[in-house]
Amino acid sequence: MLKQQIQQDSTEALKSGEQLMLSVLRMLLAAIVTKEKEKRFKLSKDPASAEASASEESLVDASQLTDEEIVDVISSEIKKRRDAIVLYEKGGRQELADKEKKEIEVLQKYLPEQLSEEEIKKLIEESIAKTGAKEMRDMGKVMADLNPKIKGKADSGEVSKIVKELLSK
């Protein structure tokens, strides 16, 4: 499972003294634990859930994140860093922007293989044809059809930009 791999890599980074890798993985594990706690809270408050009335142990087991949910957490962390890079570069803090870029490199190792721009365009064109989108107001339909196919495999901002280009033609 992805979480165990991240924990192992964190331990190895600690032993080898890789400070950047260690700090990024610790932040990632903290984000994963936070999401698990949110999931556990939702399960405990949901009366329809069988886990809500079960023991604390089964609630903890039920709230473990799947690999797909962990990929969502990683994507979210990467997005935060991309946003920070833009702000650091606007503020003239290139050294901080470079640090964020290195952190993104570490995080991307845990994402599925990323799609090339050509593959993304092909998927977008298929979605446009499938949904019958012809103008910008149909973008929501295209994105809704695309999201399950690209989840964790492409930057949604980049995908959105390409969809806009293709729909504005």
C-alpha atoms as a PDB file:
ATOM      1  CA  MET A   1       0.000   0.000   0.000  1.00  0.00           C
ATOM      2  CA  LEU A   2       1.121   3.538  -0.718  1.00  0.00           C
ATOM      3  CA  LYS A   3       1.032   4.724   2.901  1.00  0.00           C
ATOM      4  CA  GLN A   4       3.423   1.964   4.008  1.00  0.00           C
ATOM      5  CA  GLN A   5       5.779   2.861   1.147  1.00  0.00           C
ATOM      6  CA  ILE A   6       5.794   6.509   2.245  1.00  0.00           C
ATOM      7  CA  GLN A   7       6.475   5.461   5.853  1.00  0.00           C
ATOM      8  CA  GLN A   8       9.351   3.192   4.765  1.00  0.00           C
ATOM      9  CA  ASP A   9      10.860   5.931   2.615  1.00  0.00           C
ATOM     10  CA  SER A  10      10.535   8.340   5.530  1.00  0.00           C
ATOM     11  CA  THR A  11      12.470   5.950   7.772  1.00  0.00           C
ATOM     12  CA  GLU A  12      15.154   5.503   5.106  1.00  0.00           C
ATOM     13  CA  ALA A  13      15.436   9.287   4.666  1.00  0.00           C
ATOM     14  CA  LEU A  14      15.891   9.642   8.425  1.00  0.00           C
ATOM     15  CA  LYS A  15      18.646   7.000   8.472  1.00  0.00           C
ATOM     16  CA  SER A  16      20.437   8.455   5.442  1.00  0.00           C
ATOM     17  CA  GLY A  17      20.126  12.063   6.617  1.00  0.00           C
ATOM     18  CA  GLU A  18      18.151  13.340   3.623  1.00  0.00           C
ATOM     19  CA  GLN A  19      16.561  16.337   5.329  1.00  0.00           C
ATOM     20  CA  LEU A  20      14.434  17.618   2.436  1.00  0.00           C
ATOM     21  CA  MET A  21      12.980  14.177   1.690  1.00  0.00           C
ATOM     22  CA  LEU A  22      12.347  13.554   5.384  1.00  0.00           C
ATOM     23  CA  SER A  23      10.545  16.862   5.954  1.00  0.00           C
ATOM     24  CA  VAL A  24       8.377  16.465   2.836  1.00  0.00           C
ATOM     25  CA  LEU A  25       7.400  12.898   3.736  1.00  0.00           C
ATOM     26  CA  ARG A  26       6.623  13.881   7.319  1.00  0.00           C
ATOM     27  CA  MET A  27       4.357  16.680   6.074  1.00  0.00           C
ATOM     28  CA  LEU A  28       2.699  14.231   3.677  1.00  0.00           C
ATOM     29  CA  LEU A  29       2.141  11.642   6.416  1.00  0.00           C
ATOM     30  CA  ALA A  30       0.672  14.346   8.647  1.00  0.00           C
ATOM     31  CA  ALA A  31      -1.748  15.320   5.842  1.00  0.00           C
ATOM     32  CA  ILE A  32      -2.713  11.657   5.382  1.00  0.00           C
ATOM     33  CA  VAL A  33      -3.353  11.199   9.114  1.00  0.00           C
ATOM     34  CA  THR A  34      -5.482  14.360   9.126  1.00  0.00           C
ATOM     35  CA  LYS A  35      -7.603  13.024   6.250  1.00  0.00           C
ATOM     36  CA  GLU A  36      -7.981   9.692   8.067  1.00  0.00           C
ATOM     37  CA  LYS A  37      -9.179  11.511  11.188  1.00  0.00           C
ATOM     38  CA  GLU A  38     -11.694  13.483   9.105  1.00  0.00           C
ATOM     39  CA  LYS A  39     -12.932  10.239   7.552  1.00  0.00           C
ATOM     40  CA  ARG A  40     -13.174   8.583  11.000  1.00  0.00           C
ATOM     41  CA  PHE A  41     -15.169  11.536  12.344  1.00  0.00           C
ATOM     42  CA  LYS A  42     -17.595  11.365   9.418  1.00  0.00           C
ATOM     43  CA  LEU A  43     -18.003   7.609   9.900  1.00  0.00           C
ATOM     44  CA  SER A  44     -18.637   8.004  13.628  1.00  0.00           C
ATOM     45  CA  LYS A  45     -21.335  10.647  13.018  1.00  0.00           C
ATOM     46  CA  ASP A  46     -23.084   8.714  10.238  1.00  0.00           C
ATOM     47  CA  PRO A  47     -25.901   6.701  11.857  1.00  0.00           C
ATOM     48  CA  ALA A  48     -26.347   4.587   8.723  1.00  0.00           C
ATOM     49  CA  SER A  49     -22.750   3.403   8.918  1.00  0.00           C
ATOM     50  CA  ALA A  50     -22.243   0.010  10.540  1.00  0.00           C
ATOM     51  CA  GLU A  51     -18.798   1.160  11.710  1.00  0.00           C
ATOM     52  CA  ALA A  52     -20.351   4.006  13.722  1.00  0.00           C
ATOM     53  CA  SER A  53     -21.798   1.627  16.267  1.00  0.00           C
ATOM     54  CA  ALA A  54     -18.816  -0.729  16.161  1.00  0.00           C
ATOM     55  CA  SER A  55     -15.713  -0.615  18.310  1.00  0.00           C
ATOM     56  CA  GLU A  56     -13.055   2.073  18.087  1.00  0.00           C
ATOM     57  CA  GLU A  57     -10.681  -0.440  16.497  1.00  0.00           C
ATOM     58  CA  SER A  58     -13.011  -1.226  13.590  1.00  0.00           C
ATOM     59  CA  LEU A  59     -13.654   2.509  13.149  1.00  0.00           C
ATOM     60  CA  VAL A  60      -9.896   3.093  12.811  1.00  0.00           C
ATOM     61  CA  ASP A  61      -9.634   0.273  10.256  1.00  0.00           C
ATOM     62  CA  ALA A  62     -12.585   1.619   8.259  1.00  0.00           C
ATOM     63  CA  SER A  63     -11.078   5.112   8.159  1.00  0.00           C
ATOM     64  CA  GLN A  64      -7.778   4.035   6.574  1.00  0.00           C
ATOM     65  CA  LEU A  65      -7.302   5.836   3.281  1.00  0.00           C
ATOM     66  CA  THR A  66      -7.187   3.872   0.048  1.00  0.00           C
ATOM     67  CA  ASP A  67      -4.304   4.398  -2.371  1.00  0.00           C
ATOM     68  CA  GLU A  68      -6.634   6.470  -4.550  1.00  0.00           C
ATOM     69  CA  GLU A  69      -7.481   8.743  -1.606  1.00  0.00           C
ATOM     70  CA  ILE A  70      -3.772   9.056  -0.781  1.00  0.00           C
ATOM     71  CA  VAL A  71      -3.094  10.090  -4.385  1.00  0.00           C
ATOM     72  CA  ASP A  72      -5.722  12.819  -3.884  1.00  0.00           C
ATOM     73  CA  VAL A  73      -3.861  14.008  -0.759  1.00  0.00           C
ATOM     74  CA  ILE A  74      -0.549  14.044  -2.658  1.00  0.00           C
ATOM     75  CA  SER A  75      -2.137  15.978  -5.540  1.00  0.00           C
ATOM     76  CA  SER A  76      -3.515  18.476  -3.060  1.00  0.00           C
ATOM     77  CA  GLU A  77      -0.076  18.938  -1.463  1.00  0.00           C
ATOM     78  CA  ILE A  78       1.485  19.483  -4.901  1.00  0.00           C
ATOM     79  CA  LYS A  79      -1.181  22.083  -5.743  1.00  0.00           C
ATOM     80  CA  LYS A  80      -0.426  23.953  -2.495  1.00  0.00           C
ATOM     81  CA  ARG A  81       3.249  24.047  -3.421  1.00  0.00           C
ATOM     82  CA  ARG A  82       2.546  25.251  -6.967  1.00  0.00           C
ATOM     83  CA  ASP A  83       0.444  28.079  -5.540  1.00  0.00           C
ATOM     84  CA  ALA A  84       3.250  28.938  -3.113  1.00  0.00           C
ATOM     85  CA  ILE A  85       5.802  29.001  -5.959  1.00  0.00           C
ATOM     86  CA  VAL A  86       3.762  31.641  -7.794  1.00  0.00           C
ATOM     87  CA  LEU A  87       3.554  33.782  -4.654  1.00  0.00           C
ATOM     88  CA  TYR A  88       7.256  33.386  -3.810  1.00  0.00           C
ATOM     89  CA  GLU A  89       8.275  34.337  -7.343  1.00  0.00           C
ATOM     90  CA  LYS A  90       6.013  37.417  -7.226  1.00  0.00           C
ATOM     91  CA  GLY A  91       7.619  38.373  -3.928  1.00  0.00           C
ATOM     92  CA  GLY A  92      11.153  37.940  -5.259  1.00  0.00           C
ATOM     93  CA  ARG A  93      11.919  34.942  -3.021  1.00  0.00           C
ATOM     94  CA  GLN A  94      13.427  32.597  -5.612  1.00  0.00           C
ATOM     95  CA  GLU A  95      15.218  30.435  -3.004  1.00  0.00           C
ATOM     96  CA  LEU A  96      11.867  29.569  -1.397  1.00  0.00           C
ATOM     97  CA  ALA A  97      10.300  28.916  -4.800  1.00  0.00           C
ATOM     98  CA  ASP A  98      13.180  26.550  -5.623  1.00  0.00           C
ATOM     99  CA  LYS A  99      12.651  24.703  -2.340  1.00  0.00           C
ATOM    100  CA  GLU A 100       8.960  24.241  -3.169  1.00  0.00           C
ATOM    101  CA  LYS A 101       9.917  22.893  -6.623  1.00  0.00           C
ATOM    102  CA  LYS A 102      12.212  20.316  -4.993  1.00  0.00           C
ATOM    103  CA  GLU A 103       9.378  19.297  -2.660  1.00  0.00           C
ATOM    104  CA  ILE A 104       7.088  18.794  -5.677  1.00  0.00           C
ATOM    105  CA  GLU A 105       9.720  16.494  -7.211  1.00  0.00           C
ATOM    106  CA  VAL A 106       9.711  14.367  -4.050  1.00  0.00           C
ATOM    107  CA  LEU A 107       5.902  14.197  -3.950  1.00  0.00           C
ATOM    108  CA  GLN A 108       5.565  13.314  -7.634  1.00  0.00           C
ATOM    109  CA  LYS A 109       7.442  10.053  -7.016  1.00  0.00           C
ATOM    110  CA  TYR A 110       4.310   8.771  -5.263  1.00  0.00           C
ATOM    111  CA  LEU A 111       1.854   9.670  -8.021  1.00  0.00           C
ATOM    112  CA  PRO A 112       0.949   7.319 -10.865  1.00  0.00           C
ATOM    113  CA  GLU A 113       2.819   7.858 -14.130  1.00  0.00           C
ATOM    114  CA  GLN A 114       1.834  11.245 -15.520  1.00  0.00           C
ATOM    115  CA  LEU A 115       0.124  11.570 -18.898  1.00  0.00           C
ATOM    116  CA  SER A 116       1.913  13.369 -21.722  1.00  0.00           C
ATOM    117  CA  GLU A 117       0.376  16.475 -23.277  1.00  0.00           C
ATOM    118  CA  GLU A 118      -0.548  14.463 -26.391  1.00  0.00           C
ATOM    119  CA  GLU A 119      -2.321  11.821 -24.276  1.00  0.00           C
ATOM    120  CA  ILE A 120      -4.178  14.538 -22.385  1.00  0.00           C
ATOM    121  CA  LYS A 121      -5.298  16.206 -25.636  1.00  0.00           C
ATOM    122  CA  LYS A 122      -6.493  12.859 -26.975  1.00  0.00           C
ATOM    123  CA  LEU A 123      -8.556  12.212 -23.818  1.00  0.00           C
ATOM    124  CA  ILE A 124      -9.976  15.742 -23.956  1.00  0.00           C
ATOM    125  CA  GLU A 125     -10.951  15.383 -27.610  1.00  0.00           C
ATOM    126  CA  GLU A 126     -12.668  12.067 -26.811  1.00  0.00           C
ATOM    127  CA  SER A 127     -14.569  13.702 -23.933  1.00  0.00           C
ATOM    128  CA  ILE A 128     -15.601  16.655 -26.106  1.00  0.00           C
ATOM    129  CA  ALA A 129     -16.932  14.262 -28.736  1.00  0.00           C
ATOM    130  CA  LYS A 130     -18.660  12.086 -26.114  1.00  0.00           C
ATOM    131  CA  THR A 131     -20.363  15.008 -24.336  1.00  0.00           C
ATOM    132  CA  GLY A 132     -21.127  16.930 -27.534  1.00  0.00           C
ATOM    133  CA  ALA A 133     -19.482  20.061 -26.117  1.00  0.00           C
ATOM    134  CA  LYS A 134     -19.235  22.916 -28.584  1.00  0.00           C
ATOM    135  CA  GLU A 135     -18.612  26.075 -26.536  1.00  0.00           C
ATOM    136  CA  MET A 136     -17.083  27.293 -23.280  1.00  0.00           C
ATOM    137  CA  ARG A 137     -20.265  26.830 -21.249  1.00  0.00           C
ATOM    138  CA  ASP A 138     -19.991  23.071 -21.906  1.00  0.00           C
ATOM    139  CA  MET A 139     -16.627  22.940 -20.146  1.00  0.00           C
ATOM    140  CA  GLY A 140     -18.185  21.538 -16.954  1.00  0.00           C
ATOM    141  CA  LYS A 141     -19.543  18.532 -18.824  1.00  0.00           C
ATOM    142  CA  VAL A 142     -16.151  17.839 -20.389  1.00  0.00           C
ATOM    143  CA  MET A 143     -14.296  18.176 -17.057  1.00  0.00           C
ATOM    144  CA  ALA A 144     -16.831  15.914 -15.306  1.00  0.00           C
ATOM    145  CA  ASP A 145     -16.264  13.256 -17.962  1.00  0.00           C
ATOM    146  CA  LEU A 146     -12.469  13.702 -17.862  1.00  0.00           C
ATOM    147  CA  ASN A 147     -11.798  13.796 -14.126  1.00  0.00           C
ATOM    148  CA  PRO A 148     -12.079  10.045 -13.445  1.00  0.00           C
ATOM    149  CA  LYS A 149      -9.711   9.327 -16.358  1.00  0.00           C
ATOM    150  CA  ILE A 150      -6.999  11.810 -15.363  1.00  0.00           C
ATOM    151  CA  LYS A 151      -7.242  11.708 -11.575  1.00  0.00           C
ATOM    152  CA  GLY A 152      -3.704  11.800 -10.191  1.00  0.00           C
ATOM    153  CA  LYS A 153      -2.231  11.380 -13.666  1.00  0.00           C
ATOM    154  CA  ALA A 154      -2.321  15.005 -14.815  1.00  0.00           C
ATOM    155  CA  ASP A 155      -2.414  18.494 -13.350  1.00  0.00           C
ATOM    156  CA  SER A 156      -6.042  19.611 -13.456  1.00  0.00           C
ATOM    157  CA  GLY A 157      -4.994  23.221 -14.087  1.00  0.00           C
ATOM    158  CA  GLU A 158      -3.110  22.169 -17.206  1.00  0.00           C
ATOM    159  CA  VAL A 159      -6.037  20.012 -18.336  1.00  0.00           C
ATOM    160  CA  SER A 160      -8.450  22.895 -17.792  1.00  0.00           C
ATOM    161  CA  LYS A 161      -6.238  25.181 -19.869  1.00  0.00           C
ATOM    162  CA  ILE A 162      -6.171  22.696 -22.775  1.00  0.00           C
ATOM    163  CA  VAL A 163      -9.963  22.188 -22.575  1.00  0.00           C
ATOM    164  CA  LYS A 164     -10.459  25.972 -22.800  1.00  0.00           C
ATOM    165  CA  GLU A 165      -8.145  26.164 -25.830  1.00  0.00           C
ATOM    166  CA  LEU A 166      -9.965  23.363 -27.642  1.00  0.00           C
ATOM    167  CA  LEU A 167     -13.463  24.679 -26.854  1.00  0.00           C
ATOM    168  CA  SER A 168     -12.614  28.229 -27.911  1.00  0.00           C
ATOM    169  CA  LYS A 169     -11.623  27.112 -31.436  1.00  0.00           C
END
